[in-house]
């Protein structure tokens, strides 16, 4: 039973070919390209409003130098949000439940912010490793602790996204299995479980959108420290 629960997180294949590439390309296929017409349709207007609002919220804590990252952050948030919501559809696969993919996104972007800080303001960036007013005997220990906390940031980004989506999917599958089991014997309990399943699905939609926003927001805060 435990193996069947986690089978949903295995990369699906068709005739021996993994479908992960198709799942990664799907958000860009669904995203509508801007047109040169004076009057756009409702979908493109909604898409433009969402991207504008999200970019504005992400750029608020950043200095003007960090606004050059707005296109990257907005594209990443839309990409992660589409990937997270994709797994809620039947017979689909959620690539963001794979820790390797999330770390592959988190580590290069985090490393880019660190390298940017070391290049532009090396003294301030290195000064973050040692709080002001630290006693001399505690300096080596605090530098080691701050270095470990700095290195663990991308791991925390990837694990947070993976754990939240994995836990939500597992909970939905457990409740759905219980609903099917009780459907023929305990109808009232099965009805209550169905209502709980609908609420869990709405909660998982919210979690999928929030986690994508939190992932990019934390990256923007890491960038702010190095500007």
C-alpha atoms as a PDB file:
ATOM      1  CA  UNK A   1       0.000   0.000   0.000  1.00  0.00           C
ATOM      2  CA  UNK A   2       2.821   2.384   0.833  1.00  0.00           C
ATOM      3  CA  UNK A   3       4.390   1.764  -2.564  1.00  0.00           C
ATOM      4  CA  UNK A   4       1.127   2.457  -4.383  1.00  0.00           C
ATOM      5  CA  UNK A   5       0.745   5.773  -2.553  1.00  0.00           C
ATOM      6  CA  UNK A   6       4.117   7.008  -3.754  1.00  0.00           C
ATOM      7  CA  UNK A   7       3.715   5.739  -7.304  1.00  0.00           C
ATOM      8  CA  UNK A   8       2.067   9.046  -8.204  1.00  0.00           C
ATOM      9  CA  UNK A   9       5.396  10.819  -7.675  1.00  0.00           C
ATOM     10  CA  UNK A  10       7.239   8.625 -10.181  1.00  0.00           C
ATOM     11  CA  UNK A  11       7.984  10.186 -13.552  1.00  0.00           C
ATOM     12  CA  UNK A  12       5.497   8.716 -16.057  1.00  0.00           C
ATOM     13  CA  UNK A  13       6.741   7.175 -19.256  1.00  0.00           C
ATOM     14  CA  UNK A  14       5.155   6.464 -22.626  1.00  0.00           C
ATOM     15  CA  UNK A  15       6.776   3.663 -24.628  1.00  0.00           C
ATOM     16  CA  UNK A  16       9.889   4.058 -22.510  1.00  0.00           C
ATOM     17  CA  UNK A  17      10.115   7.825 -23.076  1.00  0.00           C
ATOM     18  CA  UNK A  18       9.783  10.007 -19.918  1.00  0.00           C
ATOM     19  CA  UNK A  19       6.999  12.577 -20.112  1.00  0.00           C
ATOM     20  CA  UNK A  20       8.739  15.016 -17.768  1.00  0.00           C
ATOM     21  CA  UNK A  21       9.903  17.158 -20.689  1.00  0.00           C
ATOM     22  CA  UNK A  22       6.340  17.528 -21.973  1.00  0.00           C
ATOM     23  CA  UNK A  23       5.142  18.492 -18.483  1.00  0.00           C
ATOM     24  CA  UNK A  24       7.856  21.156 -18.241  1.00  0.00           C
ATOM     25  CA  UNK A  25       6.895  22.624 -21.618  1.00  0.00           C
ATOM     26  CA  UNK A  26       3.163  22.727 -20.869  1.00  0.00           C
ATOM     27  CA  UNK A  27       3.129  26.065 -18.911  1.00  0.00           C
ATOM     28  CA  UNK A  28       4.808  27.880 -21.791  1.00  0.00           C
ATOM     29  CA  UNK A  29       2.322  26.337 -24.254  1.00  0.00           C
ATOM     30  CA  UNK A  30      -0.637  27.522 -22.152  1.00  0.00           C
ATOM     31  CA  UNK A  31       0.757  31.036 -21.728  1.00  0.00           C
ATOM     32  CA  UNK A  32      -0.651  33.312 -24.396  1.00  0.00           C
ATOM     33  CA  UNK A  33       1.784  35.475 -26.318  1.00  0.00           C
ATOM     34  CA  UNK A  34       1.120  39.223 -26.432  1.00  0.00           C
ATOM     35  CA  UNK A  35      -0.368  40.583 -29.629  1.00  0.00           C
ATOM     36  CA  UNK A  36       0.086  43.841 -31.521  1.00  0.00           C
ATOM     37  CA  UNK A  37      -3.629  44.579 -31.581  1.00  0.00           C
ATOM     38  CA  UNK A  38      -5.010  47.661 -29.868  1.00  0.00           C
ATOM     39  CA  UNK A  39      -7.706  45.696 -28.085  1.00  0.00           C
ATOM     40  CA  UNK A  40      -6.705  42.403 -26.467  1.00  0.00           C
ATOM     41  CA  UNK A  41      -8.995  39.606 -25.358  1.00  0.00           C
ATOM     42  CA  UNK A  42      -9.983  38.790 -21.791  1.00  0.00           C
ATOM     43  CA  UNK A  43      -7.403  36.043 -21.355  1.00  0.00           C
ATOM     44  CA  UNK A  44      -4.455  38.210 -22.343  1.00  0.00           C
ATOM     45  CA  UNK A  45      -5.785  41.102 -20.230  1.00  0.00           C
ATOM     46  CA  UNK A  46      -6.109  38.825 -17.211  1.00  0.00           C
ATOM     47  CA  UNK A  47      -2.657  37.434 -17.838  1.00  0.00           C
ATOM     48  CA  UNK A  48      -1.140  40.919 -18.108  1.00  0.00           C
ATOM     49  CA  UNK A  49      -2.918  42.080 -14.932  1.00  0.00           C
ATOM     50  CA  UNK A  50      -1.683  39.040 -12.991  1.00  0.00           C
ATOM     51  CA  UNK A  51       1.914  39.437 -14.160  1.00  0.00           C
ATOM     52  CA  UNK A  52       1.874  43.180 -13.441  1.00  0.00           C
ATOM     53  CA  UNK A  53       0.455  42.747  -9.935  1.00  0.00           C
ATOM     54  CA  UNK A  54       2.825  39.906  -9.076  1.00  0.00           C
ATOM     55  CA  UNK A  55       5.862  41.780 -10.353  1.00  0.00           C
ATOM     56  CA  UNK A  56       4.875  44.872  -8.399  1.00  0.00           C
ATOM     57  CA  UNK A  57       4.569  42.891  -5.171  1.00  0.00           C
ATOM     58  CA  UNK A  58       7.882  41.131  -5.727  1.00  0.00           C
ATOM     59  CA  UNK A  59       9.789  44.313  -6.549  1.00  0.00           C
ATOM     60  CA  UNK A  60       8.558  46.332  -3.545  1.00  0.00           C
ATOM     61  CA  UNK A  61      11.337  45.208  -1.131  1.00  0.00           C
ATOM     62  CA  UNK A  62      14.058  45.453  -3.797  1.00  0.00           C
ATOM     63  CA  UNK A  63      16.263  48.393  -4.620  1.00  0.00           C
ATOM     64  CA  UNK A  64      16.146  49.828  -8.164  1.00  0.00           C
ATOM     65  CA  UNK A  65      19.198  47.731  -9.079  1.00  0.00           C
ATOM     66  CA  UNK A  66      17.229  44.575  -8.406  1.00  0.00           C
ATOM     67  CA  UNK A  67      14.411  45.503 -10.791  1.00  0.00           C
ATOM     68  CA  UNK A  68      16.430  43.973 -13.626  1.00  0.00           C
ATOM     69  CA  UNK A  69      15.503  40.590 -12.143  1.00  0.00           C
ATOM     70  CA  UNK A  70      11.762  41.249 -12.454  1.00  0.00           C
ATOM     71  CA  UNK A  71      11.318  39.285 -15.703  1.00  0.00           C
ATOM     72  CA  UNK A  72      13.188  36.288 -14.301  1.00  0.00           C
ATOM     73  CA  UNK A  73      11.253  36.263 -11.019  1.00  0.00           C
ATOM     74  CA  UNK A  74       7.848  36.685 -12.656  1.00  0.00           C
ATOM     75  CA  UNK A  75       8.544  33.969 -15.240  1.00  0.00           C
ATOM     76  CA  UNK A  76       9.757  31.619 -12.513  1.00  0.00           C
ATOM     77  CA  UNK A  77       6.670  32.226 -10.383  1.00  0.00           C
ATOM     78  CA  UNK A  78       4.287  31.593 -13.287  1.00  0.00           C
ATOM     79  CA  UNK A  79       6.252  28.480 -14.229  1.00  0.00           C
ATOM     80  CA  UNK A  80       6.189  27.038 -10.697  1.00  0.00           C
ATOM     81  CA  UNK A  81       2.537  27.914 -10.232  1.00  0.00           C
ATOM     82  CA  UNK A  82       1.602  26.141 -13.466  1.00  0.00           C
ATOM     83  CA  UNK A  83       3.647  23.089 -12.482  1.00  0.00           C
ATOM     84  CA  UNK A  84       2.060  22.937  -9.037  1.00  0.00           C
ATOM     85  CA  UNK A  85      -1.480  23.228 -10.374  1.00  0.00           C
ATOM     86  CA  UNK A  86      -0.791  20.705 -13.119  1.00  0.00           C
ATOM     87  CA  UNK A  87      -0.551  17.882 -10.595  1.00  0.00           C
ATOM     88  CA  UNK A  88      -4.134  18.447  -9.414  1.00  0.00           C
ATOM     89  CA  UNK A  89      -5.531  17.318 -12.757  1.00  0.00           C
ATOM     90  CA  UNK A  90      -6.354  13.626 -13.264  1.00  0.00           C
ATOM     91  CA  UNK A  91      -3.749  11.430 -14.985  1.00  0.00           C
ATOM     92  CA  UNK A  92      -1.059  14.090 -14.756  1.00  0.00           C
ATOM     93  CA  UNK A  93       2.318  14.425 -13.092  1.00  0.00           C
ATOM     94  CA  UNK A  94       3.714  17.167 -10.847  1.00  0.00           C
ATOM     95  CA  UNK A  95       7.396  17.822 -11.679  1.00  0.00           C
ATOM     96  CA  UNK A  96       7.814  20.062  -8.607  1.00  0.00           C
ATOM     97  CA  UNK A  97       7.340  17.070  -6.284  1.00  0.00           C
ATOM     98  CA  UNK A  98      10.827  15.976  -7.382  1.00  0.00           C
ATOM     99  CA  UNK A  99      13.479  17.317  -5.021  1.00  0.00           C
ATOM    100  CA  UNK A 100      16.128  17.183  -7.738  1.00  0.00           C
ATOM    101  CA  UNK A 101      14.194  19.600  -9.937  1.00  0.00           C
ATOM    102  CA  UNK A 102      13.491  22.040  -7.103  1.00  0.00           C
ATOM    103  CA  UNK A 103      17.124  22.032  -6.029  1.00  0.00           C
ATOM    104  CA  UNK A 104      18.106  22.500  -9.670  1.00  0.00           C
ATOM    105  CA  UNK A 105      16.086  25.724  -9.670  1.00  0.00           C
ATOM    106  CA  UNK A 106      17.026  26.934  -6.171  1.00  0.00           C
ATOM    107  CA  UNK A 107      20.792  26.374  -6.107  1.00  0.00           C
ATOM    108  CA  UNK A 108      21.787  28.294  -9.299  1.00  0.00           C
ATOM    109  CA  UNK A 109      19.532  31.258  -8.498  1.00  0.00           C
ATOM    110  CA  UNK A 110      20.732  31.437  -4.878  1.00  0.00           C
ATOM    111  CA  UNK A 111      24.342  31.138  -6.048  1.00  0.00           C
ATOM    112  CA  UNK A 112      23.766  33.978  -8.522  1.00  0.00           C
ATOM    113  CA  UNK A 113      22.615  36.279  -5.704  1.00  0.00           C
ATOM    114  CA  UNK A 114      25.655  35.360  -3.588  1.00  0.00           C
ATOM    115  CA  UNK A 115      28.094  35.933  -6.461  1.00  0.00           C
ATOM    116  CA  UNK A 116      26.399  39.252  -7.242  1.00  0.00           C
ATOM    117  CA  UNK A 117      26.865  40.373  -3.655  1.00  0.00           C
ATOM    118  CA  UNK A 118      30.517  39.296  -3.549  1.00  0.00           C
ATOM    119  CA  UNK A 119      31.187  41.154  -6.788  1.00  0.00           C
ATOM    120  CA  UNK A 120      29.384  44.416  -5.997  1.00  0.00           C
ATOM    121  CA  UNK A 121      29.894  44.730  -2.235  1.00  0.00           C
ATOM    122  CA  UNK A 122      32.294  42.072  -0.926  1.00  0.00           C
ATOM    123  CA  UNK A 123      32.823  43.741   2.453  1.00  0.00           C
ATOM    124  CA  UNK A 124      29.097  43.963   3.246  1.00  0.00           C
ATOM    125  CA  UNK A 125      28.406  40.443   2.009  1.00  0.00           C
ATOM    126  CA  UNK A 126      31.174  38.956   4.117  1.00  0.00           C
ATOM    127  CA  UNK A 127      30.082  41.139   7.034  1.00  0.00           C
ATOM    128  CA  UNK A 128      26.780  39.250   7.164  1.00  0.00           C
ATOM    129  CA  UNK A 129      28.722  36.239   8.416  1.00  0.00           C
ATOM    130  CA  UNK A 130      29.675  38.034  11.636  1.00  0.00           C
ATOM    131  CA  UNK A 131      27.146  40.042  13.681  1.00  0.00           C
ATOM    132  CA  UNK A 132      28.340  43.379  15.011  1.00  0.00           C
ATOM    133  CA  UNK A 133      29.593  43.391  18.591  1.00  0.00           C
ATOM    134  CA  UNK A 134      30.452  39.691  18.739  1.00  0.00           C
ATOM    135  CA  UNK A 135      32.970  38.753  21.482  1.00  0.00           C
ATOM    136  CA  UNK A 136      36.348  37.671  20.128  1.00  0.00           C
ATOM    137  CA  UNK A 137      36.240  34.069  21.466  1.00  0.00           C
ATOM    138  CA  UNK A 138      32.892  33.470  19.713  1.00  0.00           C
ATOM    139  CA  UNK A 139      33.956  34.771  16.290  1.00  0.00           C
ATOM    140  CA  UNK A 140      35.033  31.400  14.749  1.00  0.00           C
ATOM    141  CA  UNK A 141      31.899  29.631  15.988  1.00  0.00           C
ATOM    142  CA  UNK A 142      29.538  32.343  14.756  1.00  0.00           C
ATOM    143  CA  UNK A 143      31.245  32.541  11.363  1.00  0.00           C
ATOM    144  CA  UNK A 144      30.827  28.777  10.999  1.00  0.00           C
ATOM    145  CA  UNK A 145      27.165  28.907  12.045  1.00  0.00           C
ATOM    146  CA  UNK A 146      26.366  31.787   9.680  1.00  0.00           C
ATOM    147  CA  UNK A 147      28.167  30.048   6.827  1.00  0.00           C
ATOM    148  CA  UNK A 148      26.141  26.874   7.391  1.00  0.00           C
ATOM    149  CA  UNK A 149      22.911  28.890   7.545  1.00  0.00           C
ATOM    150  CA  UNK A 150      23.870  30.591   4.275  1.00  0.00           C
ATOM    151  CA  UNK A 151      24.657  27.302   2.551  1.00  0.00           C
ATOM    152  CA  UNK A 152      21.435  25.686   3.734  1.00  0.00           C
ATOM    153  CA  UNK A 153      19.186  28.336   2.152  1.00  0.00           C
ATOM    154  CA  UNK A 154      18.809  26.684  -1.294  1.00  0.00           C
ATOM    155  CA  UNK A 155      18.209  23.303   0.366  1.00  0.00           C
ATOM    156  CA  UNK A 156      15.446  24.849   2.467  1.00  0.00           C
ATOM    157  CA  UNK A 157      13.894  26.374  -0.666  1.00  0.00           C
ATOM    158  CA  UNK A 158      13.779  23.059  -2.495  1.00  0.00           C
ATOM    159  CA  UNK A 159      12.689  20.953   0.485  1.00  0.00           C
ATOM    160  CA  UNK A 160       9.918  23.399   1.433  1.00  0.00           C
ATOM    161  CA  UNK A 161       8.359  23.279  -2.034  1.00  0.00           C
ATOM    162  CA  UNK A 162       8.717  19.503  -2.318  1.00  0.00           C
ATOM    163  CA  UNK A 163       7.397  18.716   1.152  1.00  0.00           C
ATOM    164  CA  UNK A 164       4.309  20.927   0.902  1.00  0.00           C
ATOM    165  CA  UNK A 165       3.217  19.542  -2.452  1.00  0.00           C
ATOM    166  CA  UNK A 166       4.012  15.926  -1.543  1.00  0.00           C
ATOM    167  CA  UNK A 167       2.101  16.121   1.747  1.00  0.00           C
ATOM    168  CA  UNK A 168      -0.953  17.651   0.086  1.00  0.00           C
ATOM    169  CA  UNK A 169      -1.047  15.075  -2.704  1.00  0.00           C
ATOM    170  CA  UNK A 170      -0.666  12.195  -0.271  1.00  0.00           C
ATOM    171  CA  UNK A 171      -3.446  13.517   1.953  1.00  0.00           C
ATOM    172  CA  UNK A 172      -5.812  13.897  -1.003  1.00  0.00           C
ATOM    173  CA  UNK A 173      -5.046  10.372  -2.184  1.00  0.00           C
ATOM    174  CA  UNK A 174      -5.582   8.900   1.298  1.00  0.00           C
ATOM    175  CA  UNK A 175      -8.938  10.637   1.701  1.00  0.00           C
ATOM    176  CA  UNK A 176     -10.042   9.614  -1.806  1.00  0.00           C
ATOM    177  CA  UNK A 177      -9.112   5.972  -1.135  1.00  0.00           C
ATOM    178  CA  UNK A 178     -11.081   6.062   2.121  1.00  0.00           C
ATOM    179  CA  UNK A 179     -14.057   7.594   0.316  1.00  0.00           C
ATOM    180  CA  UNK A 180     -14.113   4.829  -2.303  1.00  0.00           C
ATOM    181  CA  UNK A 181     -13.785   2.150   0.377  1.00  0.00           C
ATOM    182  CA  UNK A 182     -16.704   3.460   2.443  1.00  0.00           C
ATOM    183  CA  UNK A 183     -18.961   4.299  -0.512  1.00  0.00           C
ATOM    184  CA  UNK A 184     -20.715   0.917  -0.546  1.00  0.00           C
ATOM    185  CA  UNK A 185     -20.879   0.354   3.219  1.00  0.00           C
ATOM    186  CA  UNK A 186     -21.083   3.666   5.115  1.00  0.00           C
ATOM    187  CA  UNK A 187     -22.750   6.186   2.814  1.00  0.00           C
ATOM    188  CA  UNK A 188     -23.016   9.042   5.325  1.00  0.00           C
ATOM    189  CA  UNK A 189     -19.349   8.847   6.270  1.00  0.00           C
ATOM    190  CA  UNK A 190     -18.462   8.586   2.607  1.00  0.00           C
ATOM    191  CA  UNK A 191     -20.430  11.775   1.909  1.00  0.00           C
ATOM    192  CA  UNK A 192     -18.575  13.589   4.680  1.00  0.00           C
ATOM    193  CA  UNK A 193     -15.264  12.322   3.308  1.00  0.00           C
ATOM    194  CA  UNK A 194     -16.239  13.589  -0.152  1.00  0.00           C
ATOM    195  CA  UNK A 195     -16.925  17.051   1.249  1.00  0.00           C
ATOM    196  CA  UNK A 196     -13.566  16.938   3.042  1.00  0.00           C
ATOM    197  CA  UNK A 197     -11.921  15.928  -0.222  1.00  0.00           C
ATOM    198  CA  UNK A 198     -13.378  18.947  -2.000  1.00  0.00           C
ATOM    199  CA  UNK A 199     -12.125  21.236   0.751  1.00  0.00           C
ATOM    200  CA  UNK A 200      -8.683  19.627   0.593  1.00  0.00           C
ATOM    201  CA  UNK A 201      -8.602  20.182  -3.150  1.00  0.00           C
ATOM    202  CA  UNK A 202      -9.347  23.886  -2.682  1.00  0.00           C
ATOM    203  CA  UNK A 203      -6.672  24.037   0.009  1.00  0.00           C
ATOM    204  CA  UNK A 204      -4.172  22.333  -2.277  1.00  0.00           C
ATOM    205  CA  UNK A 205      -4.895  24.871  -5.031  1.00  0.00           C
ATOM    206  CA  UNK A 206      -4.140  27.663  -2.575  1.00  0.00           C
ATOM    207  CA  UNK A 207      -0.981  25.896  -1.382  1.00  0.00           C
ATOM    208  CA  UNK A 208       0.214  25.405  -4.967  1.00  0.00           C
ATOM    209  CA  UNK A 209      -0.111  29.115  -5.703  1.00  0.00           C
ATOM    210  CA  UNK A 210       1.264  30.312  -2.357  1.00  0.00           C
ATOM    211  CA  UNK A 211       4.308  28.044  -2.453  1.00  0.00           C
ATOM    212  CA  UNK A 212       5.287  29.332  -5.889  1.00  0.00           C
ATOM    213  CA  UNK A 213       5.007  32.903  -4.608  1.00  0.00           C
ATOM    214  CA  UNK A 214       6.969  32.123  -1.419  1.00  0.00           C
ATOM    215  CA  UNK A 215       9.751  30.447  -3.425  1.00  0.00           C
ATOM    216  CA  UNK A 216      10.270  33.535  -5.581  1.00  0.00           C
ATOM    217  CA  UNK A 217       9.744  35.952  -2.677  1.00  0.00           C
ATOM    218  CA  UNK A 218      12.527  34.323  -0.648  1.00  0.00           C
ATOM    219  CA  UNK A 219      14.813  34.536  -3.663  1.00  0.00           C
ATOM    220  CA  UNK A 220      14.031  38.244  -3.956  1.00  0.00           C
ATOM    221  CA  UNK A 221      14.873  38.722  -0.264  1.00  0.00           C
ATOM    222  CA  UNK A 222      18.187  36.920  -0.751  1.00  0.00           C
ATOM    223  CA  UNK A 223      18.862  39.229  -3.679  1.00  0.00           C
ATOM    224  CA  UNK A 224      18.005  42.273  -1.574  1.00  0.00           C
ATOM    225  CA  UNK A 225      20.690  41.310   0.967  1.00  0.00           C
ATOM    226  CA  UNK A 226      23.342  41.309  -1.744  1.00  0.00           C
ATOM    227  CA  UNK A 227      22.433  44.558  -3.519  1.00  0.00           C
END
